[in-house]
N, C-alpha and C. Protein backbone atom coordinates (compact mmCIF):
# COMPACT_ATOMS: atom_id res chain seq x y z
N GLN A 1 -24.24 -22.07 -27.24
CA GLN A 1 -25.23 -21.28 -26.76
C GLN A 1 -24.68 -20.35 -25.55
N VAL A 2 -24.86 -19.34 -25.33
CA VAL A 2 -24.09 -18.09 -23.91
C VAL A 2 -25.51 -18.04 -23.36
N GLN A 3 -25.32 -17.85 -22.19
CA GLN A 3 -26.28 -17.82 -21.28
C GLN A 3 -25.68 -16.74 -20.08
N LEU A 4 -26.21 -15.50 -20.23
CA LEU A 4 -26.10 -14.33 -19.23
C LEU A 4 -26.95 -14.22 -18.11
N VAL A 5 -26.60 -14.31 -16.81
CA VAL A 5 -27.65 -13.95 -15.83
C VAL A 5 -27.05 -12.59 -14.88
N GLU A 6 -27.80 -11.85 -15.08
CA GLU A 6 -27.95 -10.84 -14.26
C GLU A 6 -28.08 -10.67 -12.45
N SER A 7 -27.62 -10.42 -11.89
CA SER A 7 -28.15 -10.25 -10.57
C SER A 7 -27.80 -9.19 -9.49
N GLY A 8 -28.19 -8.79 -8.77
CA GLY A 8 -27.72 -7.76 -7.58
C GLY A 8 -28.55 -6.31 -7.84
N GLY A 9 -29.92 -6.31 -8.51
CA GLY A 9 -31.12 -5.26 -8.50
C GLY A 9 -31.80 -5.25 -7.01
N GLY A 10 -32.22 -4.47 -6.99
CA GLY A 10 -33.19 -4.24 -5.92
C GLY A 10 -33.83 -2.44 -5.51
N LEU A 11 -34.10 -2.36 -4.56
CA LEU A 11 -34.91 -1.30 -3.78
C LEU A 11 -33.60 -0.35 -3.29
N VAL A 12 -33.39 0.86 -4.06
CA VAL A 12 -32.55 1.61 -2.92
C VAL A 12 -32.55 3.33 -2.93
N GLN A 13 -32.25 4.46 -1.86
CA GLN A 13 -32.79 5.21 -2.27
C GLN A 13 -31.83 6.32 -2.84
N ALA A 14 -32.05 7.10 -3.26
CA ALA A 14 -31.42 8.12 -4.18
C ALA A 14 -29.98 8.84 -3.02
N GLY A 15 -28.86 8.55 -3.82
CA GLY A 15 -27.87 8.73 -3.26
C GLY A 15 -27.31 7.54 -2.87
N GLY A 16 -27.90 6.39 -2.51
CA GLY A 16 -27.35 5.31 -2.23
C GLY A 16 -26.46 4.30 -3.70
N SER A 17 -26.70 3.26 -3.19
CA SER A 17 -25.27 2.03 -4.47
C SER A 17 -25.98 0.70 -4.46
N LEU A 18 -25.85 0.34 -5.63
CA LEU A 18 -25.75 -1.03 -5.59
C LEU A 18 -24.87 -1.59 -6.67
N ARG A 19 -24.34 -2.89 -6.63
CA ARG A 19 -24.01 -3.65 -7.61
C ARG A 19 -24.22 -4.96 -8.38
N LEU A 20 -24.22 -4.53 -9.53
CA LEU A 20 -24.66 -5.43 -10.31
C LEU A 20 -23.89 -6.37 -10.97
N SER A 21 -24.20 -7.83 -10.96
CA SER A 21 -23.38 -8.84 -11.41
C SER A 21 -23.55 -9.40 -12.29
N CYS A 22 -23.36 -9.89 -13.41
CA CYS A 22 -23.58 -10.83 -14.78
C CYS A 22 -22.90 -11.47 -15.08
N VAL A 23 -23.21 -13.03 -14.86
CA VAL A 23 -22.42 -14.30 -14.74
C VAL A 23 -22.28 -15.15 -16.38
N ALA A 24 -21.37 -15.24 -17.04
CA ALA A 24 -21.71 -16.05 -18.27
C ALA A 24 -21.37 -17.46 -17.98
N SER A 25 -22.21 -18.55 -19.13
CA SER A 25 -21.91 -19.47 -19.31
C SER A 25 -22.22 -19.79 -20.31
N GLY A 26 -21.18 -21.59 -21.07
CA GLY A 26 -21.52 -21.74 -22.32
C GLY A 26 -20.09 -21.06 -22.94
N ARG A 27 -19.67 -20.30 -22.65
CA ARG A 27 -18.63 -19.37 -23.66
C ARG A 27 -17.54 -19.14 -22.47
N THR A 28 -16.35 -18.54 -22.39
CA THR A 28 -15.37 -18.17 -21.87
C THR A 28 -15.59 -16.56 -22.49
N ILE A 29 -15.70 -15.75 -21.75
CA ILE A 29 -15.78 -14.23 -22.17
C ILE A 29 -14.28 -13.35 -22.45
N THR A 30 -13.47 -14.28 -21.82
CA THR A 30 -12.23 -13.88 -22.19
C THR A 30 -11.67 -12.83 -23.61
N ASP A 31 -12.10 -12.99 -24.64
CA ASP A 31 -11.60 -12.64 -26.05
C ASP A 31 -12.76 -11.36 -26.56
N TYR A 32 -13.99 -11.05 -25.38
CA TYR A 32 -15.10 -10.27 -25.82
C TYR A 32 -15.15 -8.98 -25.11
N ALA A 33 -15.91 -7.93 -25.53
CA ALA A 33 -16.37 -7.03 -24.76
C ALA A 33 -17.65 -7.17 -24.03
N LEU A 34 -18.05 -6.73 -23.30
CA LEU A 34 -19.76 -6.71 -22.92
C LEU A 34 -20.00 -5.65 -22.01
N ALA A 35 -21.29 -5.56 -22.47
CA ALA A 35 -21.96 -4.14 -21.85
C ALA A 35 -23.06 -3.80 -20.86
N TRP A 36 -23.64 -3.10 -20.61
CA TRP A 36 -24.60 -2.96 -19.45
C TRP A 36 -25.53 -2.19 -20.37
N PHE A 37 -26.62 -2.83 -20.78
CA PHE A 37 -27.40 -1.57 -20.84
C PHE A 37 -29.05 -1.45 -20.22
N ARG A 38 -29.92 -0.01 -20.14
CA ARG A 38 -30.76 -0.44 -19.36
C ARG A 38 -32.26 0.29 -19.88
N GLN A 39 -33.31 -0.29 -19.43
CA GLN A 39 -34.64 0.14 -20.05
C GLN A 39 -35.61 0.80 -18.51
N ALA A 40 -36.17 1.97 -18.82
CA ALA A 40 -36.38 2.50 -17.88
C ALA A 40 -37.92 2.55 -18.39
N PRO A 41 -38.97 2.42 -17.42
CA PRO A 41 -40.46 2.27 -17.71
C PRO A 41 -40.72 3.12 -19.19
N GLY A 42 -41.65 2.66 -19.91
CA GLY A 42 -42.32 3.31 -21.14
C GLY A 42 -40.76 4.00 -22.14
N LYS A 43 -39.73 3.56 -21.92
CA LYS A 43 -38.24 4.13 -22.67
C LYS A 43 -37.81 2.83 -23.69
N GLU A 44 -36.74 3.12 -24.50
CA GLU A 44 -36.22 2.12 -25.16
C GLU A 44 -35.35 2.31 -24.09
N ARG A 45 -34.87 0.97 -24.55
CA ARG A 45 -33.40 0.17 -24.00
C ARG A 45 -32.24 0.88 -24.66
N GLU A 46 -31.37 1.53 -23.59
CA GLU A 46 -29.99 2.53 -23.64
C GLU A 46 -28.63 1.93 -23.27
N PHE A 47 -27.94 2.17 -24.17
CA PHE A 47 -26.73 1.84 -23.64
C PHE A 47 -25.91 2.50 -22.04
N ALA A 48 -25.43 1.82 -21.32
CA ALA A 48 -24.96 2.21 -20.19
C ALA A 48 -23.31 2.65 -20.11
N ALA A 49 -22.89 1.27 -20.14
CA ALA A 49 -20.97 1.26 -20.17
C ALA A 49 -20.96 -0.22 -20.74
N LEU A 50 -19.48 0.02 -21.25
CA LEU A 50 -19.11 -1.20 -21.79
C LEU A 50 -17.32 -1.37 -21.57
N ILE A 51 -16.90 -2.44 -21.14
CA ILE A 51 -15.88 -3.00 -21.17
C ILE A 51 -15.29 -4.04 -22.31
N SER A 52 -13.72 -3.90 -22.24
CA SER A 52 -13.50 -4.70 -23.29
C SER A 52 -12.68 -5.79 -22.57
N TRP A 53 -12.33 -6.58 -23.71
CA TRP A 53 -12.16 -8.00 -23.17
C TRP A 53 -10.82 -8.12 -22.01
N SER A 54 -9.91 -6.99 -22.32
CA SER A 54 -8.85 -7.26 -21.07
C SER A 54 -9.40 -6.12 -19.99
N GLY A 55 -10.53 -5.32 -19.94
CA GLY A 55 -10.59 -4.73 -18.91
C GLY A 55 -9.72 -3.15 -19.27
N ALA A 56 -9.16 -3.01 -20.01
CA ALA A 56 -8.24 -2.01 -20.22
C ALA A 56 -8.72 -0.79 -20.68
N THR A 57 -9.97 -1.03 -21.15
CA THR A 57 -11.10 0.36 -21.88
C THR A 57 -12.18 0.29 -21.38
N THR A 58 -12.87 0.88 -20.82
CA THR A 58 -14.59 1.16 -20.53
C THR A 58 -14.89 2.53 -21.46
N LEU A 59 -15.96 2.21 -21.69
CA LEU A 59 -16.85 3.43 -22.36
C LEU A 59 -18.49 3.80 -21.26
N TYR A 60 -18.44 4.96 -21.16
CA TYR A 60 -19.81 5.36 -20.88
C TYR A 60 -21.18 5.96 -21.01
N ALA A 61 -22.30 6.23 -20.74
CA ALA A 61 -22.95 7.05 -21.46
C ALA A 61 -22.60 8.10 -20.52
N ASP A 62 -23.18 9.25 -20.95
CA ASP A 62 -23.16 10.50 -20.30
C ASP A 62 -23.72 10.52 -19.29
N SER A 63 -25.08 9.94 -19.70
CA SER A 63 -25.69 9.75 -18.03
C SER A 63 -25.07 9.60 -16.81
N VAL A 64 -24.11 8.50 -16.82
CA VAL A 64 -23.64 7.60 -15.91
C VAL A 64 -22.78 7.79 -15.52
N LYS A 65 -21.91 8.33 -16.31
CA LYS A 65 -20.48 8.94 -16.12
C LYS A 65 -19.76 9.72 -14.82
N GLY A 66 -18.75 8.34 -14.04
CA GLY A 66 -18.44 9.35 -13.17
C GLY A 66 -19.52 8.52 -11.93
N ARG A 67 -20.22 7.86 -12.41
CA ARG A 67 -21.55 7.59 -10.75
C ARG A 67 -21.40 5.97 -11.15
N PHE A 68 -20.91 5.55 -12.50
CA PHE A 68 -20.80 3.94 -12.83
C PHE A 68 -19.90 3.44 -12.76
N THR A 69 -19.04 2.37 -12.61
CA THR A 69 -18.03 1.37 -12.78
C THR A 69 -17.84 0.24 -13.42
N ILE A 70 -17.68 -0.08 -14.83
CA ILE A 70 -17.86 -1.12 -15.11
C ILE A 70 -16.52 -2.15 -14.86
N SER A 71 -16.69 -3.16 -14.70
CA SER A 71 -15.74 -3.84 -14.02
C SER A 71 -15.73 -5.82 -14.92
N ARG A 72 -14.33 -6.78 -14.75
CA ARG A 72 -15.18 -7.93 -15.11
C ARG A 72 -13.56 -8.46 -14.27
N ASP A 73 -14.17 -9.63 -14.36
CA ASP A 73 -13.35 -10.97 -13.95
C ASP A 73 -13.34 -12.05 -14.48
N ASN A 74 -12.27 -12.61 -15.40
CA ASN A 74 -12.15 -13.37 -16.25
C ASN A 74 -12.13 -14.99 -15.81
N ALA A 75 -11.60 -14.77 -14.75
CA ALA A 75 -11.46 -16.09 -14.14
C ALA A 75 -12.87 -16.50 -13.43
N LYS A 76 -13.65 -15.39 -13.11
CA LYS A 76 -15.31 -16.06 -12.71
C LYS A 76 -15.97 -15.62 -13.99
N ASN A 77 -15.49 -15.47 -15.12
CA ASN A 77 -16.73 -15.42 -16.39
C ASN A 77 -17.34 -14.42 -15.94
N THR A 78 -17.15 -12.98 -15.25
CA THR A 78 -18.36 -12.64 -14.92
C THR A 78 -18.20 -11.04 -14.97
N ILE A 79 -18.71 -10.17 -15.16
CA ILE A 79 -18.98 -8.37 -15.08
C ILE A 79 -19.84 -7.78 -13.97
N TYR A 80 -19.20 -6.98 -14.14
CA TYR A 80 -19.86 -6.06 -12.61
C TYR A 80 -20.20 -4.91 -13.06
N LEU A 81 -21.65 -4.20 -12.18
CA LEU A 81 -21.61 -2.76 -12.52
C LEU A 81 -21.66 -1.78 -11.05
N GLN A 82 -20.64 -1.33 -10.71
CA GLN A 82 -20.73 -0.46 -9.27
C GLN A 82 -21.77 0.81 -9.92
N MET A 83 -22.69 0.84 -8.86
CA MET A 83 -23.79 2.31 -9.38
C MET A 83 -23.53 2.67 -8.00
N ASN A 84 -23.09 4.42 -8.11
CA ASN A 84 -23.06 4.72 -7.01
C ASN A 84 -23.94 6.19 -7.30
N SER A 85 -24.58 7.05 -5.95
CA SER A 85 -24.98 8.25 -6.35
C SER A 85 -26.18 7.86 -7.27
N LEU A 86 -26.69 7.19 -7.02
CA LEU A 86 -28.03 6.59 -7.77
C LEU A 86 -29.57 7.70 -7.65
N LYS A 87 -29.52 7.82 -8.81
CA LYS A 87 -30.52 8.55 -8.97
C LYS A 87 -32.21 8.60 -9.33
N PRO A 88 -33.29 8.64 -8.55
CA PRO A 88 -34.44 7.80 -9.38
C PRO A 88 -34.52 7.94 -11.11
N GLU A 89 -34.05 8.60 -11.79
CA GLU A 89 -34.08 8.45 -13.64
C GLU A 89 -32.99 7.25 -13.78
N ASP A 90 -32.82 6.67 -12.80
CA ASP A 90 -31.53 5.18 -12.83
C ASP A 90 -32.45 4.09 -13.01
N THR A 91 -33.86 4.40 -12.44
CA THR A 91 -34.97 3.36 -12.17
C THR A 91 -35.07 3.10 -13.58
N ALA A 92 -34.59 1.25 -13.58
CA ALA A 92 -34.89 0.68 -15.04
C ALA A 92 -34.38 -0.80 -14.89
N VAL A 93 -35.03 -1.64 -15.87
CA VAL A 93 -34.24 -2.80 -15.90
C VAL A 93 -32.90 -3.15 -16.45
N TYR A 94 -31.52 -3.55 -15.72
CA TYR A 94 -30.44 -3.57 -16.46
C TYR A 94 -30.32 -4.68 -17.02
N TYR A 95 -29.84 -5.07 -18.31
CA TYR A 95 -28.88 -6.11 -18.87
C TYR A 95 -27.96 -6.33 -19.36
N CYS A 96 -27.09 -7.44 -19.12
CA CYS A 96 -25.53 -7.38 -19.52
C CYS A 96 -26.22 -8.38 -20.73
N ALA A 97 -24.82 -7.57 -21.98
CA ALA A 97 -24.76 -7.99 -22.98
C ALA A 97 -23.37 -8.65 -23.45
N ILE A 98 -23.29 -9.96 -24.75
CA ILE A 98 -21.87 -9.82 -24.88
C ILE A 98 -21.71 -9.54 -26.70
N ARG A 99 -20.66 -9.17 -27.01
CA ARG A 99 -20.53 -8.77 -28.30
C ARG A 99 -20.51 -9.95 -28.85
N SER A 100 -20.85 -9.61 -30.23
CA SER A 100 -21.00 -10.76 -31.49
C SER A 100 -19.82 -11.39 -31.97
N GLY A 101 -18.73 -10.42 -31.90
CA GLY A 101 -17.16 -10.71 -32.61
C GLY A 101 -16.31 -9.92 -31.59
N VAL A 102 -15.36 -11.36 -31.20
CA VAL A 102 -14.25 -11.12 -30.29
C VAL A 102 -13.37 -10.19 -31.04
N PHE A 103 -12.98 -9.21 -29.73
CA PHE A 103 -12.09 -8.00 -29.77
C PHE A 103 -12.34 -6.91 -30.79
N THR A 104 -13.70 -6.81 -30.72
CA THR A 104 -14.44 -5.74 -31.18
C THR A 104 -15.08 -4.67 -30.36
N LEU A 105 -15.17 -3.18 -30.77
CA LEU A 105 -15.53 -2.18 -29.49
C LEU A 105 -16.39 -1.22 -30.41
N ASN A 106 -16.47 -1.69 -31.62
CA ASN A 106 -17.12 -0.28 -32.38
C ASN A 106 -18.83 -0.31 -32.01
N GLN A 107 -19.12 0.67 -32.47
CA GLN A 107 -20.65 1.06 -31.82
C GLN A 107 -20.85 0.65 -30.69
N PRO A 108 -20.45 0.97 -29.94
CA PRO A 108 -21.28 0.44 -28.43
C PRO A 108 -22.44 -0.06 -28.18
N SER A 109 -22.92 1.48 -28.65
CA SER A 109 -24.63 1.66 -27.98
C SER A 109 -25.41 0.98 -29.23
N ALA A 110 -25.02 0.31 -30.37
CA ALA A 110 -25.63 -0.36 -31.43
C ALA A 110 -25.94 -1.83 -30.79
N GLU A 111 -26.97 -2.45 -30.36
CA GLU A 111 -27.68 -3.57 -30.24
C GLU A 111 -27.54 -4.26 -30.80
N SER A 112 -27.36 -4.27 -32.08
CA SER A 112 -27.28 -5.41 -33.04
C SER A 112 -25.72 -6.23 -33.29
N LYS A 113 -25.25 -5.60 -32.52
CA LYS A 113 -23.59 -5.74 -32.34
C LYS A 113 -23.54 -6.66 -31.02
N TYR A 114 -24.48 -6.96 -30.52
CA TYR A 114 -24.53 -7.92 -29.41
C TYR A 114 -25.14 -9.47 -29.63
N ALA A 115 -24.57 -10.46 -29.43
CA ALA A 115 -25.33 -11.75 -29.52
C ALA A 115 -26.28 -12.26 -28.85
N TYR A 116 -25.90 -11.79 -27.38
CA TYR A 116 -26.56 -12.48 -26.09
C TYR A 116 -26.95 -11.57 -24.95
N TRP A 117 -28.11 -11.71 -24.48
CA TRP A 117 -28.13 -10.94 -23.38
C TRP A 117 -28.94 -11.90 -22.25
N GLY A 118 -29.18 -11.12 -21.16
CA GLY A 118 -29.27 -11.36 -19.90
C GLY A 118 -30.92 -11.09 -19.89
N GLN A 119 -31.34 -12.02 -18.77
CA GLN A 119 -33.16 -11.63 -18.38
C GLN A 119 -32.85 -10.38 -18.21
N GLY A 120 -31.95 -9.93 -17.60
CA GLY A 120 -32.30 -8.17 -16.78
C GLY A 120 -32.41 -8.29 -15.29
N THR A 121 -31.97 -7.14 -14.69
CA THR A 121 -32.52 -7.46 -13.35
C THR A 121 -33.22 -5.65 -13.08
N GLN A 122 -34.14 -6.02 -11.89
CA GLN A 122 -34.62 -4.29 -11.79
C GLN A 122 -33.71 -3.83 -10.65
N VAL A 123 -34.13 -2.49 -11.09
CA VAL A 123 -33.13 -1.29 -10.15
C VAL A 123 -34.08 -0.09 -9.65
N THR A 124 -34.41 -0.20 -8.70
CA THR A 124 -35.33 1.03 -8.18
C THR A 124 -34.97 1.78 -7.69
N VAL A 125 -34.91 2.91 -7.89
CA VAL A 125 -34.47 4.15 -6.98
C VAL A 125 -35.41 5.34 -6.36
N SER A 126 -35.02 4.69 -4.80
CA SER A 126 -37.07 5.84 -4.67
C SER A 126 -36.08 7.59 -4.62
N SER A 127 -37.02 8.25 -4.40
CA SER A 127 -36.35 9.76 -3.85
C SER A 127 -36.66 10.67 -2.68
């Protein structure tokens, strides 16, 4: 069983920054890609960013590209999401997720490709 625990959310003004963390336990993440998704009030959950097992490959949704940076520290079994130039439309619950299979990157936005999810952390951006 894998547990993912997100932290770092909070309230920030537009234009500000936050750094989210996701710590995994129960399995080493070395061979797995992980991703961040988000769910805004009244909307479906959507893909935000993905990072490959080595960190060499990163993928972003168009809505966050150039503002968000995903990274990982395999020694700490942790991934991060640095969010800069935040906008009110970034307000959402942010979830991290780990891929079902090792060394896979296909269909990064498909929730069915992820085996475990965290409980989420709330990010609120005020205008």
